Amino acid sequence: MTAIECPRCETTFETKATTATRCRACRSVVHVGAGRAGGRRSPSVRRSSVTAWSTEPADDGSGILLLGAGLVLVVLVGYGIYRYVRGRRQKSAEEDADSPAAT
């Protein structure tokens, strides 16, 4: 087993890998045996110290607008179903009242 250190989170762990593996803590790819030449990091690590999946988008209020629109849609569909069922029941009741009673 080889002990390696993650250049991003500086966690040390052991692995049996011979080329590359993922860090146990931050899940970034760590190349085994490459080492740092002169203490330099690769360009991809230098770009950003914050991972893309840990940033949250700015709240612009569109979520509340979508929630409100969805709620209105649900209410309208529910009311439409209610009116349809009510109309069918009234029609059925009128037909039963109009038909002659079988004796």
PDB file of N, CA and C in Angstrom:
ATOM      1  N   MET A   1       0.839  -1.182   0.000  1.00  0.00           N
ATOM      2  CA  MET A   1       0.000   0.000   0.000  1.00  0.00           C
ATOM      3  C   MET A   1       0.882   1.243   0.000  1.00  0.00           C
ATOM      4  N   THR A   2       0.365   2.270  -0.637  1.00  0.00           N
ATOM      5  CA  THR A   2       1.096   3.514  -0.749  1.00  0.00           C
ATOM      6  C   THR A   2       0.350   4.602   0.001  1.00  0.00           C
ATOM      7  N   ALA A   3       1.057   5.373   0.814  1.00  0.00           N
ATOM      8  CA  ALA A   3       0.446   6.498   1.510  1.00  0.00           C
ATOM      9  C   ALA A   3       0.549   7.722   0.605  1.00  0.00           C
ATOM     10  N   ILE A   4      -0.606   8.354   0.340  1.00  0.00           N
ATOM     11  CA  ILE A   4      -0.617   9.547  -0.495  1.00  0.00           C
ATOM     12  C   ILE A   4      -1.383  10.657   0.205  1.00  0.00           C
ATOM     13  N   GLU A   5      -1.132  11.890  -0.244  1.00  0.00           N
ATOM     14  CA  GLU A   5      -1.785  13.054   0.341  1.00  0.00           C
ATOM     15  C   GLU A   5      -2.582  13.772  -0.738  1.00  0.00           C
ATOM     16  N   CYS A   6      -3.808  14.123  -0.423  1.00  0.00           N
ATOM     17  CA  CYS A   6      -4.664  14.831  -1.364  1.00  0.00           C
ATOM     18  C   CYS A   6      -4.205  16.287  -1.457  1.00  0.00           C
ATOM     19  N   PRO A   7      -3.942  16.798  -2.659  1.00  0.00           N
ATOM     20  CA  PRO A   7      -3.498  18.187  -2.782  1.00  0.00           C
ATOM     21  C   PRO A   7      -4.603  19.205  -2.477  1.00  0.00           C
ATOM     22  N   ARG A   8      -5.864  18.808  -2.558  1.00  0.00           N
ATOM     23  CA  ARG A   8      -6.957  19.746  -2.320  1.00  0.00           C
ATOM     24  C   ARG A   8      -7.274  19.886  -0.833  1.00  0.00           C
ATOM     25  N   CYS A   9      -7.497  18.770  -0.142  1.00  0.00           N
ATOM     26  CA  CYS A   9      -7.893  18.861   1.268  1.00  0.00           C
ATOM     27  C   CYS A   9      -6.772  18.440   2.219  1.00  0.00           C
ATOM     28  N   GLU A  10      -5.654  18.007   1.672  1.00  0.00           N
ATOM     29  CA  GLU A  10      -4.453  17.628   2.426  1.00  0.00           C
ATOM     30  C   GLU A  10      -4.694  16.478   3.405  1.00  0.00           C
ATOM     31  N   THR A  11      -5.612  15.573   3.040  1.00  0.00           N
ATOM     32  CA  THR A  11      -5.858  14.376   3.832  1.00  0.00           C
ATOM     33  C   THR A  11      -4.883  13.295   3.389  1.00  0.00           C
ATOM     34  N   THR A  12      -4.282  12.589   4.326  1.00  0.00           N
ATOM     35  CA  THR A  12      -3.369  11.504   4.014  1.00  0.00           C
ATOM     36  C   THR A  12      -4.103  10.181   4.191  1.00  0.00           C
ATOM     37  N   PHE A  13      -3.972   9.293   3.189  1.00  0.00           N
ATOM     38  CA  PHE A  13      -4.613   7.990   3.260  1.00  0.00           C
ATOM     39  C   PHE A  13      -3.783   6.992   2.468  1.00  0.00           C
ATOM     40  N   GLU A  14      -4.051   5.709   2.694  1.00  0.00           N
ATOM     41  CA  GLU A  14      -3.323   4.653   2.010  1.00  0.00           C
ATOM     42  C   GLU A  14      -4.199   4.034   0.935  1.00  0.00           C
ATOM     43  N   THR A  15      -3.563   3.590  -0.172  1.00  0.00           N
ATOM     44  CA  THR A  15      -4.292   2.994  -1.273  1.00  0.00           C
ATOM     45  C   THR A  15      -3.442   1.942  -1.966  1.00  0.00           C
ATOM     46  N   LYS A  16      -4.104   1.024  -2.657  1.00  0.00           N
ATOM     47  CA  LYS A  16      -3.413   0.015  -3.445  1.00  0.00           C
ATOM     48  C   LYS A  16      -3.316   0.429  -4.910  1.00  0.00           C
ATOM     49  N   ALA A  17      -3.913   1.561  -5.254  1.00  0.00           N
ATOM     50  CA  ALA A  17      -3.934   2.020  -6.642  1.00  0.00           C
ATOM     51  C   ALA A  17      -2.523   2.329  -7.135  1.00  0.00           C
ATOM     52  N   THR A  18      -2.330   2.163  -8.439  1.00  0.00           N
ATOM     53  CA  THR A  18      -1.008   2.429  -9.017  1.00  0.00           C
ATOM     54  C   THR A  18      -0.989   3.678  -9.897  1.00  0.00           C
ATOM     55  N   THR A  19      -2.148   4.151 -10.350  1.00  0.00           N
ATOM     56  CA  THR A  19      -2.166   5.334 -11.214  1.00  0.00           C
ATOM     57  C   THR A  19      -2.923   6.498 -10.581  1.00  0.00           C
ATOM     58  N   ALA A  20      -4.210   6.319 -10.294  1.00  0.00           N
ATOM     59  CA  ALA A  20      -5.019   7.394  -9.715  1.00  0.00           C
ATOM     60  C   ALA A  20      -6.125   6.796  -8.862  1.00  0.00           C
ATOM     61  N   THR A  21      -6.560   7.550  -7.868  1.00  0.00           N
ATOM     62  CA  THR A  21      -7.639   7.133  -6.983  1.00  0.00           C
ATOM     63  C   THR A  21      -8.385   8.363  -6.515  1.00  0.00           C
ATOM     64  N   ARG A  22      -9.498   8.162  -5.835  1.00  0.00           N
ATOM     65  CA  ARG A  22     -10.262   9.295  -5.306  1.00  0.00           C
ATOM     66  C   ARG A  22      -9.949   9.485  -3.832  1.00  0.00           C
ATOM     67  N   CYS A  23      -9.904  10.740  -3.423  1.00  0.00           N
ATOM     68  CA  CYS A  23      -9.659  11.075  -2.020  1.00  0.00           C
ATOM     69  C   CYS A  23     -10.847  10.603  -1.188  1.00  0.00           C
ATOM     70  N   ARG A  24     -10.576  10.095  -0.010  1.00  0.00           N
ATOM     71  CA  ARG A  24     -11.633   9.574   0.847  1.00  0.00           C
ATOM     72  C   ARG A  24     -12.501  10.699   1.422  1.00  0.00           C
ATOM     73  N   ALA A  25     -11.941  11.897   1.570  1.00  0.00           N
ATOM     74  CA  ALA A  25     -12.669  13.000   2.191  1.00  0.00           C
ATOM     75  C   ALA A  25     -13.406  13.868   1.181  1.00  0.00           C
ATOM     76  N   CYS A  26     -12.710  14.348   0.146  1.00  0.00           N
ATOM     77  CA  CYS A  26     -13.339  15.302  -0.782  1.00  0.00           C
ATOM     78  C   CYS A  26     -13.673  14.696  -2.136  1.00  0.00           C
ATOM     79  N   ARG A  27     -13.363  13.439  -2.376  1.00  0.00           N
ATOM     80  CA  ARG A  27     -13.669  12.692  -3.592  1.00  0.00           C
ATOM     81  C   ARG A  27     -13.014  13.253  -4.856  1.00  0.00           C
ATOM     82  N   SER A  28     -11.963  14.072  -4.725  1.00  0.00           N
ATOM     83  CA  SER A  28     -11.249  14.556  -5.898  1.00  0.00           C
ATOM     84  C   SER A  28     -10.235  13.494  -6.326  1.00  0.00           C
ATOM     85  N   VAL A  29      -9.861  13.518  -7.595  1.00  0.00           N
ATOM     86  CA  VAL A  29      -8.930  12.524  -8.134  1.00  0.00           C
ATOM     87  C   VAL A  29      -7.518  12.873  -7.690  1.00  0.00           C
ATOM     88  N   VAL A  30      -6.816  11.878  -7.135  1.00  0.00           N
ATOM     89  CA  VAL A  30      -5.430  12.051  -6.698  1.00  0.00           C
ATOM     90  C   VAL A  30      -4.581  11.075  -7.490  1.00  0.00           C
ATOM     91  N   HIS A  31      -3.548  11.588  -8.156  1.00  0.00           N
ATOM     92  CA  HIS A  31      -2.662  10.748  -8.952  1.00  0.00           C
ATOM     93  C   HIS A  31      -1.582  10.163  -8.056  1.00  0.00           C
ATOM     94  N   VAL A  32      -1.415   8.855  -8.126  1.00  0.00           N
ATOM     95  CA  VAL A  32      -0.465   8.150  -7.277  1.00  0.00           C
ATOM     96  C   VAL A  32       0.905   8.177  -7.942  1.00  0.00           C
ATOM     97  N   GLY A  33       1.930   8.508  -7.174  1.00  0.00           N
ATOM     98  CA  GLY A  33       3.294   8.472  -7.682  1.00  0.00           C
ATOM     99  C   GLY A  33       3.707   9.694  -8.472  1.00  0.00           C
ATOM    100  N   ALA A  34       2.795  10.581  -8.779  1.00  0.00           N
ATOM    101  CA  ALA A  34       3.160  11.769  -9.561  1.00  0.00           C
ATOM    102  C   ALA A  34       3.919  12.756  -8.698  1.00  0.00           C
ATOM    103  N   GLY A  35       3.442  12.972  -7.486  1.00  0.00           N
ATOM    104  CA  GLY A  35       4.109  13.914  -6.593  1.00  0.00           C
ATOM    105  C   GLY A  35       4.056  15.329  -7.119  1.00  0.00           C
ATOM    106  N   ARG A  36       4.420  16.262  -6.284  1.00  0.00           N
ATOM    107  CA  ARG A  36       4.437  17.657  -6.714  1.00  0.00           C
ATOM    108  C   ARG A  36       5.847  18.020  -7.129  1.00  0.00           C
ATOM    109  N   ALA A  37       5.966  18.576  -8.304  1.00  0.00           N
ATOM    110  CA  ALA A  37       7.271  19.018  -8.796  1.00  0.00           C
ATOM    111  C   ALA A  37       7.480  20.453  -8.351  1.00  0.00           C
ATOM    112  N   GLY A  38       8.363  20.663  -7.385  1.00  0.00           N
ATOM    113  CA  GLY A  38       8.661  22.015  -6.924  1.00  0.00           C
ATOM    114  C   GLY A  38       7.518  22.654  -6.163  1.00  0.00           C
ATOM    115  N   GLY A  39       6.589  21.869  -5.644  1.00  0.00           N
ATOM    116  CA  GLY A  39       5.484  22.405  -4.852  1.00  0.00           C
ATOM    117  C   GLY A  39       4.394  23.051  -5.692  1.00  0.00           C
ATOM    118  N   ARG A  40       4.386  22.807  -6.991  1.00  0.00           N
ATOM    119  CA  ARG A  40       3.378  23.390  -7.861  1.00  0.00           C
ATOM    120  C   ARG A  40       2.156  22.487  -7.945  1.00  0.00           C
ATOM    121  N   ARG A  41       1.027  23.090  -8.060  1.00  0.00           N
ATOM    122  CA  ARG A  41      -0.206  22.338  -8.229  1.00  0.00           C
ATOM    123  C   ARG A  41      -0.599  22.361  -9.694  1.00  0.00           C
ATOM    124  N   SER A  42      -1.440  21.417 -10.057  1.00  0.00           N
ATOM    125  CA  SER A  42      -1.910  21.381 -11.438  1.00  0.00           C
ATOM    126  C   SER A  42      -2.831  22.572 -11.698  1.00  0.00           C
ATOM    127  N   PRO A  43      -2.982  22.993 -12.972  1.00  0.00           N
ATOM    128  CA  PRO A  43      -3.825  24.153 -13.279  1.00  0.00           C
ATOM    129  C   PRO A  43      -5.278  23.981 -12.838  1.00  0.00           C
ATOM    130  N   SER A  44      -5.797  22.762 -12.885  1.00  0.00           N
ATOM    131  CA  SER A  44      -7.192  22.561 -12.508  1.00  0.00           C
ATOM    132  C   SER A  44      -7.407  22.801 -11.014  1.00  0.00           C
ATOM    133  N   VAL A  45      -6.419  22.521 -10.190  1.00  0.00           N
ATOM    134  CA  VAL A  45      -6.549  22.740  -8.756  1.00  0.00           C
ATOM    135  C   VAL A  45      -6.387  24.222  -8.441  1.00  0.00           C
ATOM    136  N   ARG A  46      -5.567  24.919  -9.201  1.00  0.00           N
ATOM    137  CA  ARG A  46      -5.340  26.336  -8.976  1.00  0.00           C
ATOM    138  C   ARG A  46      -6.557  27.182  -9.347  1.00  0.00           C
ATOM    139  N   ARG A  47      -7.370  26.712 -10.274  1.00  0.00           N
ATOM    140  CA  ARG A  47      -8.495  27.493 -10.759  1.00  0.00           C
ATOM    141  C   ARG A  47      -9.459  27.894  -9.660  1.00  0.00           C
ATOM    142  N   SER A  48      -9.899  26.931  -8.890  1.00  0.00           N
ATOM    143  CA  SER A  48     -10.899  27.228  -7.886  1.00  0.00           C
ATOM    144  C   SER A  48     -10.719  26.302  -6.696  1.00  0.00           C
ATOM    145  N   SER A  49     -10.788  26.881  -5.517  1.00  0.00           N
ATOM    146  CA  SER A  49     -10.705  26.052  -4.321  1.00  0.00           C
ATOM    147  C   SER A  49     -12.091  25.634  -3.857  1.00  0.00           C
ATOM    148  N   VAL A  50     -13.145  26.205  -4.457  1.00  0.00           N
ATOM    149  CA  VAL A  50     -14.522  25.859  -4.129  1.00  0.00           C
ATOM    150  C   VAL A  50     -15.055  24.953  -5.222  1.00  0.00           C
ATOM    151  N   THR A  51     -15.593  23.804  -4.840  1.00  0.00           N
ATOM    152  CA  THR A  51     -16.132  22.877  -5.823  1.00  0.00           C
ATOM    153  C   THR A  51     -17.444  23.402  -6.377  1.00  0.00           C
ATOM    154  N   ALA A  52     -17.750  23.050  -7.607  1.00  0.00           N
ATOM    155  CA  ALA A  52     -18.943  23.557  -8.283  1.00  0.00           C
ATOM    156  C   ALA A  52     -20.224  23.082  -7.598  1.00  0.00           C
ATOM    157  N   TRP A  53     -20.224  21.889  -7.041  1.00  0.00           N
ATOM    158  CA  TRP A  53     -21.452  21.363  -6.450  1.00  0.00           C
ATOM    159  C   TRP A  53     -21.710  21.920  -5.054  1.00  0.00           C
ATOM    160  N   SER A  54     -20.747  22.649  -4.473  1.00  0.00           N
ATOM    161  CA  SER A  54     -20.972  23.195  -3.145  1.00  0.00           C
ATOM    162  C   SER A  54     -21.493  24.620  -3.194  1.00  0.00           C
ATOM    163  N   THR A  55     -21.515  25.241  -4.364  1.00  0.00           N
ATOM    164  CA  THR A  55     -22.036  26.596  -4.461  1.00  0.00           C
ATOM    165  C   THR A  55     -23.540  26.545  -4.668  1.00  0.00           C
ATOM    166  N   GLU A  56     -24.236  27.486  -4.089  1.00  0.00           N
ATOM    167  CA  GLU A  56     -25.683  27.546  -4.218  1.00  0.00           C
ATOM    168  C   GLU A  56     -26.044  28.683  -5.158  1.00  0.00           C
ATOM    169  N   PRO A  57     -27.032  28.474  -6.025  1.00  0.00           N
ATOM    170  CA  PRO A  57     -27.441  29.566  -6.917  1.00  0.00           C
ATOM    171  C   PRO A  57     -28.119  30.677  -6.127  1.00  0.00           C
ATOM    172  N   ALA A  58     -28.036  31.883  -6.654  1.00  0.00           N
ATOM    173  CA  ALA A  58     -28.665  33.019  -5.997  1.00  0.00           C
ATOM    174  C   ALA A  58     -30.182  32.859  -6.059  1.00  0.00           C
ATOM    175  N   ASP A  59     -30.856  33.199  -4.976  1.00  0.00           N
ATOM    176  CA  ASP A  59     -32.307  33.092  -4.926  1.00  0.00           C
ATOM    177  C   ASP A  59     -32.902  34.332  -5.578  1.00  0.00           C
ATOM    178  N   ASP A  60     -33.480  34.163  -6.759  1.00  0.00           N
ATOM    179  CA  ASP A  60     -34.049  35.290  -7.475  1.00  0.00           C
ATOM    180  C   ASP A  60     -35.571  35.360  -7.348  1.00  0.00           C
ATOM    181  N   GLY A  61     -36.163  34.532  -6.529  1.00  0.00           N
ATOM    182  CA  GLY A  61     -37.598  34.575  -6.308  1.00  0.00           C
ATOM    183  C   GLY A  61     -38.411  33.786  -7.314  1.00  0.00           C
ATOM    184  N   SER A  62     -37.787  33.176  -8.291  1.00  0.00           N
ATOM    185  CA  SER A  62     -38.547  32.431  -9.287  1.00  0.00           C
ATOM    186  C   SER A  62     -39.127  31.149  -8.700  1.00  0.00           C
ATOM    187  N   GLY A  63     -38.532  30.632  -7.655  1.00  0.00           N
ATOM    188  CA  GLY A  63     -39.060  29.432  -7.009  1.00  0.00           C
ATOM    189  C   GLY A  63     -40.416  29.688  -6.382  1.00  0.00           C
ATOM    190  N   ILE A  64     -40.591  30.836  -5.765  1.00  0.00           N
ATOM    191  CA  ILE A  64     -41.865  31.188  -5.147  1.00  0.00           C
ATOM    192  C   ILE A  64     -42.920  31.397  -6.228  1.00  0.00           C
ATOM    193  N   LEU A  65     -42.525  32.013  -7.332  1.00  0.00           N
ATOM    194  CA  LEU A  65     -43.453  32.234  -8.438  1.00  0.00           C
ATOM    195  C   LEU A  65     -43.912  30.904  -9.034  1.00  0.00           C
ATOM    196  N   LEU A  66     -42.994  29.965  -9.221  1.00  0.00           N
ATOM    197  CA  LEU A  66     -43.360  28.649  -9.743  1.00  0.00           C
ATOM    198  C   LEU A  66     -44.258  27.893  -8.769  1.00  0.00           C
ATOM    199  N   LEU A  67     -43.975  28.010  -7.490  1.00  0.00           N
ATOM    200  CA  LEU A  67     -44.812  27.358  -6.478  1.00  0.00           C
ATOM    201  C   LEU A  67     -46.225  27.923  -6.502  1.00  0.00           C
ATOM    202  N   GLY A  68     -46.347  29.232  -6.609  1.00  0.00           N
ATOM    203  CA  GLY A  68     -47.665  29.863  -6.679  1.00  0.00           C
ATOM    204  C   GLY A  68     -48.426  29.451  -7.922  1.00  0.00           C
ATOM    205  N   ALA A  69     -47.741  29.410  -9.070  1.00  0.00           N
ATOM    206  CA  ALA A  69     -48.390  29.003 -10.315  1.00  0.00           C
ATOM    207  C   ALA A  69     -48.837  27.545 -10.239  1.00  0.00           C
ATOM    208  N   GLY A  70     -48.018  26.700  -9.647  1.00  0.00           N
ATOM    209  CA  GLY A  70     -48.391  25.293  -9.488  1.00  0.00           C
ATOM    210  C   GLY A  70     -49.592  25.129  -8.579  1.00  0.00           C
ATOM    211  N   LEU A  71     -49.641  25.907  -7.520  1.00  0.00           N
ATOM    212  CA  LEU A  71     -50.772  25.844  -6.596  1.00  0.00           C
ATOM    213  C   LEU A  71     -52.062  26.279  -7.276  1.00  0.00           C
ATOM    214  N   VAL A  72     -51.997  27.353  -8.061  1.00  0.00           N
ATOM    215  CA  VAL A  72     -53.179  27.819  -8.794  1.00  0.00           C
ATOM    216  C   VAL A  72     -53.635  26.751  -9.778  1.00  0.00           C
ATOM    217  N   LEU A  73     -52.705  26.112 -10.457  1.00  0.00           N
ATOM    218  CA  LEU A  73     -53.048  25.059 -11.415  1.00  0.00           C
ATOM    219  C   LEU A  73     -53.738  23.887 -10.724  1.00  0.00           C
ATOM    220  N   VAL A  74     -53.221  23.478  -9.584  1.00  0.00           N
ATOM    221  CA  VAL A  74     -53.830  22.370  -8.837  1.00  0.00           C
ATOM    222  C   VAL A  74     -55.245  22.732  -8.398  1.00  0.00           C
ATOM    223  N   VAL A  75     -55.441  23.949  -7.937  1.00  0.00           N
ATOM    224  CA  VAL A  75     -56.770  24.377  -7.498  1.00  0.00           C
ATOM    225  C   VAL A  75     -57.737  24.390  -8.681  1.00  0.00           C
ATOM    226  N   LEU A  76     -57.294  24.897  -9.832  1.00  0.00           N
ATOM    227  CA  LEU A  76     -58.172  24.933 -11.008  1.00  0.00           C
ATOM    228  C   LEU A  76     -58.539  23.540 -11.498  1.00  0.00           C
ATOM    229  N   VAL A  77     -57.599  22.634 -11.513  1.00  0.00           N
ATOM    230  CA  VAL A  77     -57.890  21.263 -11.937  1.00  0.00           C
ATOM    231  C   VAL A  77     -58.841  20.597 -10.948  1.00  0.00           C
ATOM    232  N   GLY A  78     -58.622  20.798  -9.668  1.00  0.00           N
ATOM    233  CA  GLY A  78     -59.518  20.235  -8.655  1.00  0.00           C
ATOM    234  C   GLY A  78     -60.931  20.775  -8.771  1.00  0.00           C
ATOM    235  N   TYR A  79     -61.064  22.066  -9.013  1.00  0.00           N
ATOM    236  CA  TYR A  79     -62.383  22.670  -9.179  1.00  0.00           C
ATOM    237  C   TYR A  79     -63.060  22.140 -10.437  1.00  0.00           C
ATOM    238  N   GLY A  80     -62.301  21.951 -11.503  1.00  0.00           N
ATOM    239  CA  GLY A  80     -62.861  21.388 -12.730  1.00  0.00           C
ATOM    240  C   GLY A  80     -63.379  19.978 -12.525  1.00  0.00           C
ATOM    241  N   ILE A  81     -62.637  19.164 -11.798  1.00  0.00           N
ATOM    242  CA  ILE A  81     -63.080  17.798 -11.498  1.00  0.00           C
ATOM    243  C   ILE A  81     -64.340  17.826 -10.639  1.00  0.00           C
ATOM    244  N   TYR A  82     -64.369  18.724  -9.652  1.00  0.00           N
ATOM    245  CA  TYR A  82     -65.541  18.858  -8.785  1.00  0.00           C
ATOM    246  C   TYR A  82     -66.779  19.213  -9.604  1.00  0.00           C
ATOM    247  N   ARG A  83     -66.652  20.205 -10.501  1.00  0.00           N
ATOM    248  CA  ARG A  83     -67.791  20.624 -11.321  1.00  0.00           C
ATOM    249  C   ARG A  83     -68.259  19.501 -12.252  1.00  0.00           C
ATOM    250  N   TYR A  84     -67.313  18.735 -12.807  1.00  0.00           N
ATOM    251  CA  TYR A  84     -67.662  17.620 -13.694  1.00  0.00           C
ATOM    252  C   TYR A  84     -68.451  16.552 -12.949  1.00  0.00           C
ATOM    253  N   VAL A  85     -67.970  16.164 -11.781  1.00  0.00           N
ATOM    254  CA  VAL A  85     -68.652  15.129 -10.993  1.00  0.00           C
ATOM    255  C   VAL A  85     -70.016  15.628 -10.537  1.00  0.00           C
ATOM    256  N   ARG A  86     -70.101  16.882 -10.125  1.00  0.00           N
ATOM    257  CA  ARG A  86     -71.371  17.453  -9.674  1.00  0.00           C
ATOM    258  C   ARG A  86     -72.386  17.479 -10.820  1.00  0.00           C
ATOM    259  N   GLY A  87     -71.936  17.861 -12.010  1.00  0.00           N
ATOM    260  CA  GLY A  87     -72.827  17.886 -13.174  1.00  0.00           C
ATOM    261  C   GLY A  87     -73.327  16.500 -13.534  1.00  0.00           C
ATOM    262  N   ARG A  88     -72.449  15.502 -13.470  1.00  0.00           N
ATOM    263  CA  ARG A  88     -72.860  14.130 -13.771  1.00  0.00           C
ATOM    264  C   ARG A  88     -73.896  13.620 -12.769  1.00  0.00           C
ATOM    265  N   ARG A  89     -73.692  13.961 -11.488  1.00  0.00           N
ATOM    266  CA  ARG A  89     -74.652  13.524 -10.469  1.00  0.00           C
ATOM    267  C   ARG A  89     -76.017  14.183 -10.670  1.00  0.00           C
ATOM    268  N   GLN A  90     -76.021  15.484 -10.991  1.00  0.00           N
ATOM    269  CA  GLN A  90     -77.282  16.175 -11.221  1.00  0.00           C
ATOM    270  C   GLN A  90     -78.003  15.600 -12.436  1.00  0.00           C
ATOM    271  N   LYS A  91     -77.254  15.317 -13.491  1.00  0.00           N
ATOM    272  CA  LYS A  91     -77.843  14.745 -14.693  1.00  0.00           C
ATOM    273  C   LYS A  91     -78.434  13.369 -14.394  1.00  0.00           C
ATOM    274  N   SER A  92     -77.706  12.579 -13.629  1.00  0.00           N
ATOM    275  CA  SER A  92     -78.191  11.248 -13.258  1.00  0.00           C
ATOM    276  C   SER A  92     -79.450  11.347 -12.393  1.00  0.00           C
ATOM    277  N   ALA A  93     -79.490  12.308 -11.471  1.00  0.00           N
ATOM    278  CA  ALA A  93     -80.657  12.484 -10.599  1.00  0.00           C
ATOM    279  C   ALA A  93     -81.871  12.924 -11.411  1.00  0.00           C
ATOM    280  N   GLU A  94     -81.671  13.808 -12.405  1.00  0.00           N
ATOM    281  CA  GLU A  94     -82.779  14.259 -13.255  1.00  0.00           C
ATOM    282  C   GLU A  94     -83.325  13.110 -14.097  1.00  0.00           C
ATOM    283  N   GLU A  95     -82.435  12.250 -14.610  1.00  0.00           N
ATOM    284  CA  GLU A  95     -82.877  11.119 -15.416  1.00  0.00           C
ATOM    285  C   GLU A  95     -83.673  10.130 -14.569  1.00  0.00           C
ATOM    286  N   ASP A  96     -83.238   9.923 -13.317  1.00  0.00           N
ATOM    287  CA  ASP A  96     -83.963   9.014 -12.436  1.00  0.00           C
ATOM    288  C   ASP A  96     -85.350   9.583 -12.080  1.00  0.00           C
ATOM    289  N   ALA A  97     -85.444  10.891 -11.938  1.00  0.00           N
ATOM    290  CA  ALA A  97     -86.722  11.505 -11.592  1.00  0.00           C
ATOM    291  C   ALA A  97     -87.673  11.478 -12.795  1.00  0.00           C
ATOM    292  N   ASP A  98     -87.171  11.602 -14.010  1.00  0.00           N
ATOM    293  CA  ASP A  98     -87.996  11.638 -15.199  1.00  0.00           C
ATOM    294  C   ASP A  98     -88.474  10.249 -15.628  1.00  0.00           C
ATOM    295  N   SER A  99     -87.759   9.231 -15.305  1.00  0.00           N
ATOM    296  CA  SER A  99     -88.145   7.886 -15.745  1.00  0.00           C
ATOM    297  C   SER A  99     -89.354   7.397 -14.951  1.00  0.00           C
ATOM    298  N   PRO A 100     -90.245   6.668 -15.634  1.00  0.00           N
ATOM    299  CA  PRO A 100     -91.435   6.146 -14.928  1.00  0.00           C
ATOM    300  C   PRO A 100     -91.002   5.052 -13.946  1.00  0.00           C
ATOM    301  N   ALA A 101     -91.681   5.019 -12.844  1.00  0.00           N
ATOM    302  CA  ALA A 101     -91.351   4.051 -11.816  1.00  0.00           C
ATOM    303  C   ALA A 101     -91.854   2.672 -12.240  1.00  0.00           C
ATOM    304  N   ALA A 102     -90.993   1.697 -12.196  1.00  0.00           N
ATOM    305  CA  ALA A 102     -91.371   0.338 -12.584  1.00  0.00           C
ATOM    306  C   ALA A 102     -92.074  -0.329 -11.420  1.00  0.00           C
ATOM    307  N   THR A 103     -93.305  -0.833 -11.695  1.00  0.00           N
ATOM    308  CA  THR A 103     -94.079  -1.500 -10.631  1.00  0.00           C
ATOM    309  C   THR A 103     -94.349  -2.917 -10.959  1.00  0.00           C
TER     310      THR A 103
END
